[in-house]
Amino acid sequence: MDHFGIDGVIRRFEQLDDDLLSLVPFGSRVEMTIVGGSALMVLGLTVDTRVTTDIDVMEAAQEIKGLLERYDMNQQVANYRFRLPENWLIRRQRVPFEGMVLDVYSPSNEDLAILKLDAFREIDQGDLKDMVYSGELDMKLLQSILKNDVEMRVNYDTEEEWETFLSRYQVIVDLAHSIEGNNETS
């Protein structure tokens, strides 16, 4: 599999958008929601050297599902939405891509952090650090989402799963506090 950075992500959006011009009725728009490393890259939440092997598409309009694989777009992440907080759609954000037909969205920065905390692989931990260092992660909003049982707790079947998740969250809280402390002494 090829690795690509933000330019590769944008190029794939552009290619899909071009293909959609001939498939979508004039004046119509088509939406998709991305998650994962590609979402972090286009939102400027990771280091410039971050690469990925695919674009994780959590939701896509029916008209485009057959085209996605052609552009290294992975649809095997649809179940991620069941790990997102209840109100993630309210916080959904448009990514900086101006397609002629295609509109690309992502969960909020805080909801993306929740997905990264849930997976917590080595690459996810690096992404979380980048998100904290970017200054674009609202730690107070993230905390309020996590404290709301209706929003979040319902996604975890056992107390052990929930406690594991919260211990992962504490790692980024500690990192954010250490960054704040360094900024205050500078």
N, C-alpha and C. Protein backbone atom coordinates (compact mmCIF):
# COMPACT_ATOMS: atom_id res chain seq x y z
N MET A 1 0.83 -1.19 0.00
CA MET A 1 0.00 0.00 0.00
C MET A 1 0.87 1.25 0.00
N ASP A 2 0.46 2.21 -0.76
CA ASP A 2 1.18 3.49 -0.79
C ASP A 2 0.81 4.33 0.42
N HIS A 3 1.78 5.09 0.89
CA HIS A 3 1.56 6.06 1.95
C HIS A 3 1.44 7.44 1.31
N PHE A 4 0.55 8.25 1.83
CA PHE A 4 0.40 9.60 1.31
C PHE A 4 0.07 10.56 2.44
N GLY A 5 0.42 11.82 2.21
CA GLY A 5 0.18 12.87 3.18
C GLY A 5 -1.03 13.70 2.81
N ILE A 6 -1.07 14.91 3.34
CA ILE A 6 -2.24 15.77 3.12
C ILE A 6 -2.47 16.06 1.65
N ASP A 7 -1.40 16.25 0.87
CA ASP A 7 -1.58 16.51 -0.56
C ASP A 7 -2.27 15.33 -1.25
N GLY A 8 -1.91 14.13 -0.84
CA GLY A 8 -2.55 12.94 -1.40
C GLY A 8 -4.01 12.83 -1.01
N VAL A 9 -4.33 13.23 0.20
CA VAL A 9 -5.73 13.21 0.65
C VAL A 9 -6.54 14.19 -0.19
N ILE A 10 -6.05 15.41 -0.31
CA ILE A 10 -6.77 16.43 -1.09
C ILE A 10 -6.90 16.00 -2.55
N ARG A 11 -5.84 15.45 -3.12
CA ARG A 11 -5.88 15.00 -4.52
C ARG A 11 -6.97 13.94 -4.71
N ARG A 12 -7.11 13.03 -3.75
CA ARG A 12 -8.15 12.00 -3.85
C ARG A 12 -9.55 12.62 -3.73
N PHE A 13 -9.71 13.62 -2.88
CA PHE A 13 -10.99 14.33 -2.82
C PHE A 13 -11.30 14.96 -4.18
N GLU A 14 -10.31 15.61 -4.77
CA GLU A 14 -10.49 16.28 -6.06
C GLU A 14 -10.86 15.29 -7.16
N GLN A 15 -10.20 14.14 -7.17
CA GLN A 15 -10.49 13.13 -8.19
C GLN A 15 -11.91 12.59 -8.03
N LEU A 16 -12.31 12.33 -6.81
CA LEU A 16 -13.67 11.86 -6.56
C LEU A 16 -14.68 12.94 -6.97
N ASP A 17 -14.40 14.17 -6.61
CA ASP A 17 -15.27 15.28 -6.97
C ASP A 17 -15.43 15.37 -8.49
N ASP A 18 -14.33 15.23 -9.23
CA ASP A 18 -14.38 15.25 -10.70
C ASP A 18 -15.26 14.14 -11.24
N ASP A 19 -15.11 12.93 -10.70
CA ASP A 19 -15.95 11.81 -11.14
C ASP A 19 -17.42 12.05 -10.84
N LEU A 20 -17.70 12.67 -9.73
CA LEU A 20 -19.09 12.90 -9.33
C LEU A 20 -19.81 13.90 -10.22
N LEU A 21 -19.07 14.79 -10.85
CA LEU A 21 -19.69 15.79 -11.73
C LEU A 21 -20.58 15.16 -12.79
N SER A 22 -20.15 14.03 -13.31
CA SER A 22 -20.94 13.38 -14.37
C SER A 22 -22.01 12.45 -13.82
N LEU A 23 -21.98 12.17 -12.53
CA LEU A 23 -22.93 11.22 -11.94
C LEU A 23 -24.05 11.86 -11.15
N VAL A 24 -23.82 13.06 -10.66
CA VAL A 24 -24.78 13.70 -9.76
C VAL A 24 -25.57 14.75 -10.53
N PRO A 25 -26.88 14.80 -10.34
CA PRO A 25 -27.69 15.81 -11.02
C PRO A 25 -27.17 17.23 -10.75
N PHE A 26 -27.27 18.07 -11.76
CA PHE A 26 -26.81 19.45 -11.66
C PHE A 26 -27.41 20.13 -10.44
N GLY A 27 -26.57 20.82 -9.68
CA GLY A 27 -27.01 21.55 -8.51
C GLY A 27 -27.06 20.71 -7.24
N SER A 28 -26.84 19.42 -7.35
CA SER A 28 -26.88 18.55 -6.17
C SER A 28 -25.54 18.52 -5.48
N ARG A 29 -25.55 18.19 -4.21
CA ARG A 29 -24.33 18.04 -3.41
C ARG A 29 -24.31 16.63 -2.84
N VAL A 30 -23.11 16.12 -2.64
CA VAL A 30 -22.93 14.79 -2.07
C VAL A 30 -22.03 14.93 -0.85
N GLU A 31 -22.40 14.24 0.24
CA GLU A 31 -21.65 14.35 1.48
C GLU A 31 -20.95 13.05 1.85
N MET A 32 -19.83 13.21 2.52
CA MET A 32 -19.19 12.08 3.19
C MET A 32 -18.53 12.59 4.46
N THR A 33 -18.40 11.70 5.44
CA THR A 33 -17.78 12.03 6.72
C THR A 33 -16.57 11.14 6.90
N ILE A 34 -15.42 11.79 7.14
CA ILE A 34 -14.18 11.06 7.31
C ILE A 34 -13.71 11.10 8.76
N VAL A 35 -12.93 10.10 9.14
CA VAL A 35 -12.34 10.03 10.47
C VAL A 35 -10.88 9.59 10.29
N GLY A 36 -10.19 9.41 11.39
CA GLY A 36 -8.84 8.86 11.33
C GLY A 36 -7.78 9.88 10.97
N GLY A 37 -6.63 9.35 10.59
CA GLY A 37 -5.48 10.19 10.30
C GLY A 37 -5.70 11.18 9.19
N SER A 38 -6.45 10.80 8.16
CA SER A 38 -6.69 11.72 7.06
C SER A 38 -7.52 12.92 7.52
N ALA A 39 -8.47 12.69 8.41
CA ALA A 39 -9.26 13.81 8.95
C ALA A 39 -8.36 14.75 9.75
N LEU A 40 -7.50 14.16 10.57
CA LEU A 40 -6.59 14.99 11.37
C LEU A 40 -5.67 15.81 10.47
N MET A 41 -5.21 15.19 9.38
CA MET A 41 -4.31 15.91 8.48
C MET A 41 -4.99 17.11 7.85
N VAL A 42 -6.19 16.92 7.28
CA VAL A 42 -6.83 18.03 6.58
C VAL A 42 -7.31 19.12 7.54
N LEU A 43 -7.48 18.77 8.80
CA LEU A 43 -7.89 19.75 9.81
C LEU A 43 -6.68 20.43 10.46
N GLY A 44 -5.48 20.02 10.08
CA GLY A 44 -4.28 20.64 10.63
C GLY A 44 -4.00 20.25 12.06
N LEU A 45 -4.41 19.06 12.46
CA LEU A 45 -4.26 18.63 13.84
C LEU A 45 -3.06 17.72 14.08
N THR A 46 -2.30 17.43 13.03
CA THR A 46 -1.13 16.56 13.17
C THR A 46 0.09 17.26 12.58
N VAL A 47 1.23 16.63 12.79
CA VAL A 47 2.47 17.17 12.22
C VAL A 47 2.42 17.05 10.70
N ASP A 48 3.16 17.92 10.03
CA ASP A 48 3.16 17.95 8.57
C ASP A 48 3.66 16.66 7.93
N THR A 49 4.42 15.87 8.67
CA THR A 49 4.98 14.64 8.12
C THR A 49 4.05 13.44 8.26
N ARG A 50 2.88 13.62 8.84
CA ARG A 50 1.92 12.51 9.06
C ARG A 50 1.50 11.97 7.71
N VAL A 51 1.48 10.62 7.59
CA VAL A 51 1.03 9.96 6.37
C VAL A 51 0.00 8.90 6.74
N THR A 52 -0.70 8.43 5.74
CA THR A 52 -1.70 7.38 5.92
C THR A 52 -1.70 6.49 4.68
N THR A 53 -2.37 5.37 4.77
CA THR A 53 -2.50 4.48 3.60
C THR A 53 -3.90 4.53 3.01
N ASP A 54 -4.82 5.20 3.71
CA ASP A 54 -6.18 5.29 3.21
C ASP A 54 -6.91 6.46 3.86
N ILE A 55 -8.09 6.71 3.38
CA ILE A 55 -8.97 7.72 3.94
C ILE A 55 -10.15 6.97 4.54
N ASP A 56 -10.33 7.08 5.85
CA ASP A 56 -11.41 6.37 6.53
C ASP A 56 -12.72 7.13 6.35
N VAL A 57 -13.64 6.54 5.61
CA VAL A 57 -14.94 7.15 5.35
C VAL A 57 -15.98 6.46 6.24
N MET A 58 -16.43 7.19 7.24
CA MET A 58 -17.39 6.63 8.19
C MET A 58 -18.81 6.63 7.62
N GLU A 59 -19.14 7.68 6.88
CA GLU A 59 -20.47 7.78 6.27
C GLU A 59 -20.31 8.39 4.89
N ALA A 60 -21.10 7.89 3.96
CA ALA A 60 -21.07 8.44 2.60
C ALA A 60 -22.44 8.29 1.95
N ALA A 61 -22.74 9.24 1.09
CA ALA A 61 -23.99 9.16 0.32
C ALA A 61 -23.97 7.89 -0.52
N GLN A 62 -25.12 7.29 -0.67
CA GLN A 62 -25.24 6.04 -1.41
C GLN A 62 -24.65 6.15 -2.82
N GLU A 63 -24.82 7.32 -3.46
CA GLU A 63 -24.35 7.50 -4.84
C GLU A 63 -22.85 7.31 -5.01
N ILE A 64 -22.09 7.50 -3.95
CA ILE A 64 -20.63 7.47 -4.12
C ILE A 64 -19.96 6.24 -3.53
N LYS A 65 -20.70 5.41 -2.82
CA LYS A 65 -20.07 4.27 -2.14
C LYS A 65 -19.30 3.37 -3.10
N GLY A 66 -19.80 3.18 -4.31
CA GLY A 66 -19.11 2.33 -5.28
C GLY A 66 -17.81 2.90 -5.80
N LEU A 67 -17.62 4.20 -5.67
CA LEU A 67 -16.40 4.86 -6.17
C LEU A 67 -15.28 4.97 -5.15
N LEU A 68 -15.59 4.85 -3.89
CA LEU A 68 -14.65 5.20 -2.85
C LEU A 68 -13.36 4.37 -2.87
N GLU A 69 -13.48 3.08 -3.09
CA GLU A 69 -12.29 2.23 -3.07
C GLU A 69 -11.27 2.66 -4.12
N ARG A 70 -11.75 3.17 -5.23
CA ARG A 70 -10.88 3.64 -6.31
C ARG A 70 -9.90 4.71 -5.84
N TYR A 71 -10.26 5.43 -4.79
CA TYR A 71 -9.44 6.54 -4.30
C TYR A 71 -8.86 6.26 -2.91
N ASP A 72 -8.62 4.99 -2.61
CA ASP A 72 -8.05 4.58 -1.32
C ASP A 72 -8.90 5.04 -0.15
N MET A 73 -10.21 4.97 -0.34
CA MET A 73 -11.12 5.37 0.72
C MET A 73 -11.74 4.11 1.33
N ASN A 74 -11.48 3.93 2.61
CA ASN A 74 -11.86 2.75 3.36
C ASN A 74 -13.23 2.93 3.98
N GLN A 75 -14.15 2.04 3.64
CA GLN A 75 -15.50 2.12 4.20
C GLN A 75 -15.70 1.14 5.36
N GLN A 76 -14.64 0.46 5.77
CA GLN A 76 -14.75 -0.54 6.83
C GLN A 76 -14.78 0.07 8.22
N VAL A 77 -15.00 1.36 8.30
CA VAL A 77 -14.99 2.07 9.59
C VAL A 77 -16.37 2.58 9.99
N ALA A 78 -17.39 2.12 9.30
CA ALA A 78 -18.76 2.60 9.58
C ALA A 78 -19.16 2.36 11.04
N ASN A 79 -18.65 1.30 11.65
CA ASN A 79 -19.00 1.00 13.04
C ASN A 79 -18.40 1.98 14.03
N TYR A 80 -17.44 2.79 13.61
CA TYR A 80 -16.86 3.79 14.50
C TYR A 80 -17.92 4.72 15.06
N ARG A 81 -18.96 4.97 14.29
CA ARG A 81 -19.98 5.91 14.76
C ARG A 81 -20.65 5.42 16.04
N PHE A 82 -20.57 4.10 16.31
CA PHE A 82 -21.16 3.58 17.54
C PHE A 82 -20.27 3.83 18.75
N ARG A 83 -19.04 4.30 18.53
CA ARG A 83 -18.15 4.66 19.62
C ARG A 83 -18.13 6.17 19.84
N LEU A 84 -18.79 6.88 18.97
CA LEU A 84 -18.86 8.33 19.11
C LEU A 84 -19.95 8.71 20.12
N PRO A 85 -19.79 9.86 20.73
CA PRO A 85 -20.83 10.34 21.64
C PRO A 85 -22.16 10.53 20.92
N GLU A 86 -23.21 10.48 21.69
CA GLU A 86 -24.58 10.59 21.16
C GLU A 86 -24.78 11.80 20.26
N ASN A 87 -24.25 12.95 20.65
CA ASN A 87 -24.51 14.21 19.93
C ASN A 87 -23.39 14.63 18.97
N TRP A 88 -22.62 13.68 18.47
CA TRP A 88 -21.49 14.04 17.62
C TRP A 88 -21.91 14.79 16.36
N LEU A 89 -23.09 14.45 15.82
CA LEU A 89 -23.54 15.11 14.59
C LEU A 89 -23.74 16.61 14.77
N ILE A 90 -24.14 17.02 15.97
CA ILE A 90 -24.33 18.44 16.26
C ILE A 90 -23.00 19.18 16.15
N ARG A 91 -21.92 18.49 16.51
CA ARG A 91 -20.60 19.11 16.51
C ARG A 91 -19.82 18.85 15.21
N ARG A 92 -20.39 18.10 14.31
CA ARG A 92 -19.70 17.77 13.05
C ARG A 92 -19.23 19.04 12.35
N GLN A 93 -18.06 18.96 11.71
CA GLN A 93 -17.48 20.13 11.06
C GLN A 93 -17.13 19.81 9.60
N ARG A 94 -17.19 20.84 8.81
CA ARG A 94 -16.80 20.69 7.41
C ARG A 94 -15.28 20.81 7.32
N VAL A 95 -14.66 19.92 6.54
CA VAL A 95 -13.20 20.00 6.38
C VAL A 95 -12.89 21.01 5.27
N PRO A 96 -11.70 21.60 5.31
CA PRO A 96 -11.36 22.62 4.30
C PRO A 96 -11.08 22.01 2.93
N PHE A 97 -12.17 21.72 2.22
CA PHE A 97 -12.11 21.25 0.84
C PHE A 97 -13.32 21.83 0.12
N GLU A 98 -13.08 22.53 -0.97
CA GLU A 98 -14.17 23.16 -1.73
C GLU A 98 -14.42 22.38 -3.01
N GLY A 99 -15.24 21.36 -2.92
CA GLY A 99 -15.57 20.57 -4.10
C GLY A 99 -16.70 21.20 -4.90
N MET A 100 -16.78 20.84 -6.15
CA MET A 100 -17.88 21.32 -7.00
C MET A 100 -19.17 20.59 -6.66
N VAL A 101 -19.04 19.35 -6.20
CA VAL A 101 -20.18 18.52 -5.86
C VAL A 101 -20.03 17.92 -4.46
N LEU A 102 -18.80 17.63 -4.09
CA LEU A 102 -18.50 16.89 -2.87
C LEU A 102 -18.31 17.80 -1.66
N ASP A 103 -19.01 17.48 -0.57
CA ASP A 103 -18.83 18.13 0.72
C ASP A 103 -18.26 17.09 1.68
N VAL A 104 -17.13 17.40 2.29
CA VAL A 104 -16.47 16.47 3.19
C VAL A 104 -16.56 17.01 4.61
N TYR A 105 -17.00 16.15 5.51
CA TYR A 105 -17.17 16.49 6.91
C TYR A 105 -16.34 15.57 7.79
N SER A 106 -16.23 15.96 9.03
CA SER A 106 -15.53 15.18 10.04
C SER A 106 -16.22 15.42 11.37
N PRO A 107 -16.13 14.44 12.28
CA PRO A 107 -16.56 14.75 13.64
C PRO A 107 -15.72 15.91 14.19
N SER A 108 -16.17 16.54 15.24
CA SER A 108 -15.42 17.63 15.86
C SER A 108 -14.05 17.13 16.29
N ASN A 109 -13.15 18.05 16.55
CA ASN A 109 -11.82 17.69 17.04
C ASN A 109 -11.92 16.83 18.30
N GLU A 110 -12.84 17.19 19.19
CA GLU A 110 -13.00 16.47 20.44
C GLU A 110 -13.55 15.06 20.19
N ASP A 111 -14.47 14.93 19.24
CA ASP A 111 -15.01 13.61 18.92
C ASP A 111 -13.96 12.75 18.21
N LEU A 112 -13.12 13.37 17.39
CA LEU A 112 -12.01 12.63 16.79
C LEU A 112 -11.05 12.14 17.88
N ALA A 113 -10.82 12.97 18.89
CA ALA A 113 -9.95 12.57 20.00
C ALA A 113 -10.56 11.37 20.73
N ILE A 114 -11.86 11.35 20.88
CA ILE A 114 -12.54 10.22 21.53
C ILE A 114 -12.30 8.94 20.74
N LEU A 115 -12.39 9.01 19.42
CA LEU A 115 -12.12 7.82 18.61
C LEU A 115 -10.67 7.37 18.77
N LYS A 116 -9.75 8.33 18.83
CA LYS A 116 -8.33 8.00 19.01
C LYS A 116 -8.09 7.39 20.40
N LEU A 117 -8.77 7.92 21.42
CA LEU A 117 -8.66 7.35 22.76
C LEU A 117 -9.22 5.93 22.81
N ASP A 118 -10.27 5.70 22.06
CA ASP A 118 -10.89 4.39 22.04
C ASP A 118 -9.95 3.36 21.39
N ALA A 119 -9.32 3.71 20.28
CA ALA A 119 -8.42 2.78 19.59
C ALA A 119 -7.09 2.66 20.33
N PHE A 120 -6.47 3.77 20.65
CA PHE A 120 -5.27 3.92 21.46
C PHE A 120 -4.07 3.07 21.02
N ARG A 121 -3.97 2.84 19.71
CA ARG A 121 -2.76 2.20 19.18
C ARG A 121 -1.62 3.21 19.26
N GLU A 122 -0.42 2.79 18.96
CA GLU A 122 0.72 3.69 19.03
C GLU A 122 0.52 4.93 18.14
N ILE A 123 0.03 4.72 16.93
CA ILE A 123 -0.20 5.86 16.02
C ILE A 123 -1.27 6.79 16.57
N ASP A 124 -2.28 6.22 17.23
CA ASP A 124 -3.35 7.03 17.83
C ASP A 124 -2.81 7.88 18.97
N GLN A 125 -1.92 7.30 19.75
CA GLN A 125 -1.32 8.05 20.86
C GLN A 125 -0.50 9.22 20.33
N GLY A 126 0.23 8.99 19.23
CA GLY A 126 0.98 10.09 18.61
C GLY A 126 0.05 11.16 18.08
N ASP A 127 -1.05 10.73 17.47
CA ASP A 127 -2.04 11.69 16.96
C ASP A 127 -2.64 12.51 18.10
N LEU A 128 -2.92 11.86 19.22
CA LEU A 128 -3.47 12.58 20.37
C LEU A 128 -2.50 13.63 20.88
N LYS A 129 -1.23 13.28 20.95
CA LYS A 129 -0.22 14.26 21.37
C LYS A 129 -0.20 15.44 20.41
N ASP A 130 -0.23 15.14 19.11
CA ASP A 130 -0.24 16.21 18.10
C ASP A 130 -1.47 17.10 18.27
N MET A 131 -2.61 16.49 18.56
CA MET A 131 -3.85 17.25 18.73
C MET A 131 -3.73 18.20 19.93
N VAL A 132 -3.17 17.69 21.01
CA VAL A 132 -3.00 18.54 22.19
C VAL A 132 -2.03 19.67 21.89
N TYR A 133 -0.89 19.35 21.27
CA TYR A 133 0.11 20.37 20.95
C TYR A 133 -0.42 21.40 19.95
N SER A 134 -1.36 21.00 19.09
CA SER A 134 -1.89 21.94 18.09
C SER A 134 -2.67 23.08 18.74
N GLY A 135 -3.15 22.86 19.96
CA GLY A 135 -3.96 23.87 20.64
C GLY A 135 -5.39 23.92 20.13
N GLU A 136 -5.74 22.99 19.25
CA GLU A 136 -7.08 22.99 18.64
C GLU A 136 -8.03 21.98 19.28
N LEU A 137 -7.63 21.45 20.41
CA LEU A 137 -8.47 20.49 21.13
C LEU A 137 -9.00 21.19 22.38
N ASP A 138 -10.31 21.35 22.45
CA ASP A 138 -10.95 22.03 23.58
C ASP A 138 -11.10 21.02 24.72
N MET A 139 -10.16 21.05 25.65
CA MET A 139 -10.15 20.08 26.74
C MET A 139 -11.38 20.21 27.63
N LYS A 140 -11.90 21.42 27.79
CA LYS A 140 -13.10 21.60 28.62
C LYS A 140 -14.32 20.97 27.95
N LEU A 141 -14.44 21.14 26.64
CA LEU A 141 -15.55 20.51 25.91
C LEU A 141 -15.40 18.99 25.96
N LEU A 142 -14.19 18.50 25.74
CA LEU A 142 -13.96 17.06 25.79
C LEU A 142 -14.35 16.51 27.16
N GLN A 143 -13.97 17.20 28.21
CA GLN A 143 -14.32 16.77 29.56
C GLN A 143 -15.84 16.77 29.76
N SER A 144 -16.51 17.79 29.27
CA SER A 144 -17.97 17.84 29.46
C SER A 144 -18.68 16.73 28.68
N ILE A 145 -18.15 16.38 27.52
CA ILE A 145 -18.72 15.25 26.76
C ILE A 145 -18.55 13.96 27.55
N LEU A 146 -17.36 13.75 28.09
CA LEU A 146 -17.07 12.51 28.81
C LEU A 146 -17.82 12.40 30.12
N LYS A 147 -18.15 13.53 30.74
CA LYS A 147 -18.88 13.50 32.01
C LYS A 147 -20.38 13.29 31.81
N ASN A 148 -20.84 13.41 30.58
CA ASN A 148 -22.26 13.26 30.29
C ASN A 148 -22.56 11.80 29.98
N ASP A 149 -23.20 11.10 30.91
CA ASP A 149 -23.48 9.67 30.72
C ASP A 149 -24.29 9.40 29.47
N VAL A 150 -25.24 10.27 29.15
CA VAL A 150 -26.06 10.07 27.96
C VAL A 150 -25.21 10.17 26.70
N GLU A 151 -24.27 11.10 26.70
CA GLU A 151 -23.39 11.30 25.54
C GLU A 151 -22.45 10.14 25.32
N MET A 152 -21.83 9.66 26.37
CA MET A 152 -20.65 8.84 26.22
C MET A 152 -20.71 7.49 26.88
N ARG A 153 -21.01 7.44 28.15
CA ARG A 153 -20.89 6.21 28.95
C ARG A 153 -21.67 5.05 28.34
N VAL A 154 -22.74 5.34 27.69
CA VAL A 154 -23.59 4.31 27.11
C VAL A 154 -22.85 3.48 26.05
N ASN A 155 -21.75 4.00 25.51
CA ASN A 155 -21.00 3.29 24.48
C ASN A 155 -20.14 2.16 25.02
N TYR A 156 -20.02 2.04 26.32
CA TYR A 156 -19.15 1.04 26.92
C TYR A 156 -19.97 0.04 27.71
N ASP A 157 -19.79 -1.25 27.40
CA ASP A 157 -20.62 -2.30 27.99
C ASP A 157 -20.28 -2.61 29.44
N THR A 158 -19.00 -2.49 29.79
CA THR A 158 -18.61 -2.86 31.15
C THR A 158 -17.91 -1.68 31.83
N GLU A 159 -17.91 -1.73 33.14
CA GLU A 159 -17.22 -0.71 33.93
C GLU A 159 -15.72 -0.75 33.63
N GLU A 160 -15.18 -1.94 33.40
CA GLU A 160 -13.75 -2.08 33.09
C GLU A 160 -13.38 -1.36 31.79
N GLU A 161 -14.22 -1.52 30.74
CA GLU A 161 -13.98 -0.81 29.47
C GLU A 161 -13.99 0.70 29.69
N TRP A 162 -14.96 1.17 30.46
CA TRP A 162 -15.10 2.60 30.72
C TRP A 162 -13.90 3.12 31.51
N GLU A 163 -13.47 2.40 32.52
CA GLU A 163 -12.31 2.81 33.32
C GLU A 163 -11.03 2.83 32.47
N THR A 164 -10.89 1.87 31.57
CA THR A 164 -9.73 1.86 30.66
C THR A 164 -9.74 3.10 29.79
N PHE A 165 -10.91 3.41 29.26
CA PHE A 165 -11.04 4.61 28.42
C PHE A 165 -10.67 5.86 29.22
N LEU A 166 -11.19 5.98 30.43
CA LEU A 166 -10.92 7.16 31.26
C LEU A 166 -9.44 7.27 31.63
N SER A 167 -8.77 6.15 31.82
CA SER A 167 -7.33 6.21 32.13
C SER A 167 -6.56 6.70 30.91
N ARG A 168 -7.00 6.35 29.71
CA ARG A 168 -6.38 6.87 28.49
C ARG A 168 -6.61 8.38 28.37
N TYR A 169 -7.80 8.81 28.69
CA TYR A 169 -8.11 10.23 28.67
C TYR A 169 -7.21 11.00 29.63
N GLN A 170 -6.96 10.43 30.79
CA GLN A 170 -6.13 11.09 31.80
C GLN A 170 -4.72 11.36 31.25
N VAL A 171 -4.23 10.50 30.37
CA VAL A 171 -2.91 10.70 29.76
C VAL A 171 -2.87 12.02 28.99
N ILE A 172 -3.92 12.31 28.21
CA ILE A 172 -3.90 13.56 27.45
C ILE A 172 -4.21 14.77 28.33
N VAL A 173 -4.98 14.56 29.39
CA VAL A 173 -5.19 15.65 30.35
C VAL A 173 -3.86 16.04 30.98
N ASP A 174 -3.09 15.05 31.38
CA ASP A 174 -1.78 15.32 31.98
C ASP A 174 -0.86 16.03 30.98
N LEU A 175 -0.89 15.60 29.74
CA LEU A 175 -0.07 16.24 28.70
C LEU A 175 -0.49 17.69 28.51
N ALA A 176 -1.80 17.94 28.44
CA ALA A 176 -2.30 19.31 28.27
C ALA A 176 -1.87 20.18 29.45
N HIS A 177 -1.94 19.65 30.65
CA HIS A 177 -1.51 20.42 31.83
C HIS A 177 -0.02 20.71 31.80
N SER A 178 0.77 19.75 31.33
CA SER A 178 2.22 20.00 31.26
C SER A 178 2.54 21.06 30.21
N ILE A 179 1.80 21.07 29.12
CA ILE A 179 1.99 22.11 28.10
C ILE A 179 1.62 23.48 28.65
N GLU A 180 0.47 23.53 29.35
CA GLU A 180 0.06 24.80 29.97
C GLU A 180 1.11 25.30 30.95
N GLY A 181 1.66 24.38 31.75
CA GLY A 181 2.68 24.74 32.72
C GLY A 181 3.94 25.27 32.04
N ASN A 182 4.33 24.66 30.94
CA ASN A 182 5.51 25.12 30.19
C ASN A 182 5.27 26.50 29.59
N ASN A 183 4.05 26.73 29.12
CA ASN A 183 3.72 28.03 28.53
C ASN A 183 3.71 29.13 29.58
N GLU A 184 3.30 28.80 30.79
CA GLU A 184 3.25 29.81 31.86
C GLU A 184 4.64 30.20 32.33
N THR A 185 5.60 29.26 32.23
CA THR A 185 6.97 29.58 32.67
C THR A 185 7.82 30.20 31.57
N SER A 186 7.30 30.22 30.37
CA SER A 186 8.07 30.80 29.24
C SER A 186 8.01 32.30 29.25
